[in-house]
Amino acid sequence: MQSPLGLAKTIRRVLNIKNIMRIILRPVTLNDTCILVKWRNDTNIINHCLSRACITEESNREFYKNFIETGKYKQFIVECMVENYPMVRYPIATVYLKDIDYVNKRCELCIFTSTDTEWDPDNQSIAIKMLVEKAFNDYGMHKIYSYVFCKFPDEIELLTNAGFVMEAILKEEAFNSEGEYEDIVRMYIIKS
């Protein structure tokens, strides 16, 4: 028997409905644990993270309890939805806001990517813009910032296209899997 995710993708392929897909953000739940662990521990994904530690289902449940339930993080699952069939939805990635500072009205935007083929630059851009809008309008933020490894110019371009500008280059900021330090770009956007 096919999983709901597999079934949704099969329906999409059979009906040839690529052009009528759209994405939505929905709040993360504990039921998302398995897919979050799978995405986060993928080698291609982990190389984009400042922390390269793998997570487990147990550590994700602890994270959920300490950060999501307390409101310190606002995490969302990015789902593809067939526009004419809204019940056909499946997760393709997650995005979140962390270190939310309600006094200074700023937070960090993070993209917890996946290897799903639907998680393409167009959908990434839409998800970032949707999350920025939530941060400004729903959570009252004034400034949103994000960190990107300098070696990933496509990610810098993605944030630039969403309205972010480069604030600083942090020299030798993060240790990589090859045992070398790498430069990080800090980018930001301010509510206009």
Protein backbone atom coordinates (compact mmCIF):
# COMPACT_ATOMS: atom_id res chain seq x y z
CA MET A 1 0.00 0.00 0.00
CA GLN A 2 1.28 3.45 -0.92
CA SER A 3 1.90 6.12 1.71
CA PRO A 4 -0.25 9.29 1.58
CA LEU A 5 2.79 11.18 0.24
CA GLY A 6 3.37 8.58 -2.47
CA LEU A 7 -0.31 8.55 -3.36
CA ALA A 8 -0.43 12.35 -3.67
CA LYS A 9 2.60 12.35 -5.97
CA THR A 10 1.13 9.52 -8.05
CA ILE A 11 -2.17 11.39 -8.46
CA ARG A 12 -0.27 14.50 -9.45
CA ARG A 13 1.80 12.60 -12.04
CA VAL A 14 -1.15 10.68 -13.49
CA LEU A 15 -3.33 13.77 -13.79
CA ASN A 16 -0.36 15.76 -15.18
CA ILE A 17 -1.21 18.71 -12.94
CA LYS A 18 2.20 20.31 -12.49
CA ASN A 19 1.02 23.74 -13.60
CA ILE A 20 -1.78 23.99 -11.07
CA MET A 21 0.29 23.29 -7.96
CA ARG A 22 0.65 25.84 -5.22
CA ILE A 23 2.27 25.77 -1.83
CA ILE A 24 0.99 26.52 1.63
CA LEU A 25 2.63 26.84 5.02
CA ARG A 26 1.08 24.93 7.89
CA PRO A 27 2.32 24.81 11.49
CA VAL A 28 4.59 21.87 12.24
CA THR A 29 3.22 19.14 14.52
CA LEU A 30 4.72 16.17 16.30
CA ASN A 31 3.28 14.03 13.52
CA ASP A 32 5.93 15.55 11.22
CA THR A 33 8.78 14.07 13.27
CA CYS A 34 9.68 11.22 10.89
CA ILE A 35 9.93 13.40 7.81
CA LEU A 36 11.85 16.14 9.66
CA VAL A 37 14.39 13.60 10.90
CA LYS A 38 14.73 12.17 7.37
CA TRP A 39 15.24 15.60 5.79
CA ARG A 40 17.63 16.93 8.44
CA ASN A 41 19.88 13.86 8.42
CA ASP A 42 20.28 13.78 4.63
CA THR A 43 23.94 14.44 3.75
CA ASN A 44 23.01 16.97 1.06
CA ILE A 45 20.92 18.90 3.58
CA ILE A 46 23.22 18.72 6.56
CA ASN A 47 26.00 20.44 4.57
CA HIS A 48 23.83 23.57 4.43
CA CYS A 49 23.37 23.71 8.21
CA LEU A 50 25.58 25.50 10.72
CA SER A 51 25.13 22.57 13.09
CA ARG A 52 25.96 19.28 11.43
CA ALA A 53 24.67 17.11 14.24
CA CYS A 54 22.13 14.49 13.24
CA ILE A 55 18.77 14.47 14.97
CA THR A 56 16.65 11.59 16.21
CA GLU A 57 12.93 11.25 16.71
CA GLU A 58 13.52 11.65 20.43
CA SER A 59 15.66 14.80 20.02
CA ASN A 60 13.04 16.25 17.66
CA ARG A 61 10.29 15.65 20.24
CA GLU A 62 12.43 17.44 22.85
CA PHE A 63 13.03 20.29 20.42
CA TYR A 64 9.30 20.53 19.76
CA LYS A 65 8.53 20.67 23.48
CA ASN A 66 11.24 23.24 24.29
CA PHE A 67 11.03 25.51 21.26
CA ILE A 68 7.82 25.05 19.25
CA GLU A 69 5.36 24.65 22.13
CA THR A 70 6.96 27.59 23.98
CA GLY A 71 6.77 29.85 20.91
CA LYS A 72 10.52 30.43 20.77
CA TYR A 73 10.43 29.07 17.21
CA LYS A 74 7.66 29.35 14.63
CA GLN A 75 8.09 26.36 12.33
CA PHE A 76 6.02 25.50 9.29
CA ILE A 77 5.80 22.58 6.91
CA VAL A 78 5.80 23.66 3.27
CA GLU A 79 3.19 21.61 1.46
CA CYS A 80 2.42 21.31 -2.23
CA MET A 81 -1.27 21.40 -2.88
CA VAL A 82 -3.16 20.60 -6.04
CA GLU A 83 -5.22 23.73 -6.53
CA ASN A 84 -8.33 22.03 -7.91
CA TYR A 85 -7.99 19.17 -5.38
CA PRO A 86 -7.11 20.82 -2.03
CA MET A 87 -7.24 17.49 -0.23
CA VAL A 88 -4.19 16.36 -2.25
CA ARG A 89 -1.31 17.87 -0.27
CA TYR A 90 2.12 16.63 0.64
CA PRO A 91 5.14 18.03 2.51
CA ILE A 92 8.20 19.16 0.57
CA ALA A 93 10.25 21.13 3.13
CA THR A 94 10.13 23.16 6.31
CA VAL A 95 10.86 26.81 7.06
CA TYR A 96 11.01 28.51 10.42
CA LEU A 97 11.70 31.60 12.45
CA LYS A 98 13.99 31.33 15.45
CA ASP A 99 15.50 33.52 18.14
CA ILE A 100 12.36 35.61 18.03
CA ASP A 101 13.04 38.86 19.88
CA TYR A 102 9.73 40.61 20.58
CA VAL A 103 11.46 43.55 22.29
CA ASN A 104 13.70 44.49 19.35
CA LYS A 105 11.26 42.95 16.86
CA ARG A 106 13.74 40.77 15.00
CA CYS A 107 14.27 37.08 14.27
CA GLU A 108 16.24 34.65 12.16
CA LEU A 109 14.71 32.98 9.11
CA CYS A 110 15.85 29.42 8.45
CA ILE A 111 15.20 27.06 5.59
CA PHE A 112 15.29 23.41 6.53
CA THR A 113 15.41 22.17 3.00
CA SER A 114 14.67 18.77 1.48
CA THR A 115 15.65 16.85 -1.62
CA ASP A 116 12.07 16.71 -2.90
CA THR A 117 11.87 17.63 -6.57
CA GLU A 118 8.99 20.02 -5.82
CA TRP A 119 11.34 22.05 -3.58
CA ASP A 120 12.60 24.01 -6.57
CA PRO A 121 13.75 27.67 -6.65
CA ASP A 122 10.23 28.91 -7.46
CA ASN A 123 8.64 27.16 -4.49
CA GLN A 124 11.57 28.11 -2.25
CA SER A 125 11.09 31.76 -3.18
CA ILE A 126 7.34 31.58 -2.53
CA ALA A 127 7.87 29.91 0.85
CA ILE A 128 10.45 32.51 1.92
CA LYS A 129 8.16 35.36 0.92
CA MET A 130 5.24 33.75 2.76
CA LEU A 131 7.35 33.32 5.91
CA VAL A 132 8.65 36.91 5.72
CA GLU A 133 5.06 38.12 5.44
CA LYS A 134 4.09 36.06 8.51
CA ALA A 135 7.04 37.41 10.48
CA PHE A 136 6.18 41.02 9.67
CA ASN A 137 2.38 40.86 9.80
CA ASP A 138 1.56 38.05 12.24
CA TYR A 139 4.46 38.34 14.70
CA GLY A 140 5.20 42.06 14.48
CA MET A 141 8.85 41.76 13.43
CA HIS A 142 10.75 44.77 12.10
CA LYS A 143 13.89 42.95 10.91
CA ILE A 144 14.50 39.40 9.69
CA TYR A 145 17.98 38.03 9.11
CA SER A 146 19.39 34.80 7.74
CA TYR A 147 22.79 33.13 7.48
CA VAL A 148 24.06 31.46 4.30
CA PHE A 149 27.38 29.79 3.53
CA CYS A 150 29.29 31.88 0.98
CA LYS A 151 29.86 28.72 -1.08
CA PHE A 152 26.12 28.56 -1.90
CA PRO A 153 25.56 31.57 -4.22
CA ASP A 154 22.18 30.15 -5.33
CA GLU A 155 20.92 30.49 -1.75
CA ILE A 156 22.24 34.05 -1.55
CA GLU A 157 20.43 34.81 -4.82
CA LEU A 158 17.24 33.20 -3.49
CA LEU A 159 17.24 35.50 -0.44
CA THR A 160 18.19 38.50 -2.59
CA ASN A 161 15.19 37.81 -4.84
CA ALA A 162 12.99 37.78 -1.72
CA GLY A 163 14.21 41.29 -0.81
CA PHE A 164 17.09 40.47 1.52
CA VAL A 165 20.37 42.39 1.28
CA MET A 166 23.82 41.47 2.45
CA GLU A 167 24.63 42.84 5.89
CA ALA A 168 28.01 41.26 6.62
CA ILE A 169 30.41 38.51 5.72
CA LEU A 170 31.41 36.58 8.81
CA LYS A 171 34.93 35.28 8.17
CA GLU A 172 35.67 31.67 9.11
CA GLU A 173 32.43 31.47 11.06
CA ALA A 174 31.53 27.79 10.74
CA PHE A 175 33.46 24.54 10.79
CA ASN A 176 32.67 22.27 7.84
CA SER A 177 32.71 18.49 7.42
CA GLU A 178 36.19 18.66 5.86
CA GLY A 179 37.60 20.22 9.02
CA GLU A 180 37.94 23.73 7.60
CA TYR A 181 36.32 27.02 8.57
CA GLU A 182 33.97 28.66 6.11
CA ASP A 183 32.71 32.18 5.57
CA ILE A 184 29.04 32.95 6.18
CA VAL A 185 26.93 35.77 4.74
CA ARG A 186 24.42 37.45 7.03
CA MET A 187 21.50 38.83 5.06
CA TYR A 188 18.54 40.87 6.26
CA ILE A 189 15.28 42.47 5.28
CA ILE A 190 13.53 45.31 7.11
CA LYS A 191 9.81 45.90 7.06
CA SER A 192 9.04 48.83 4.81
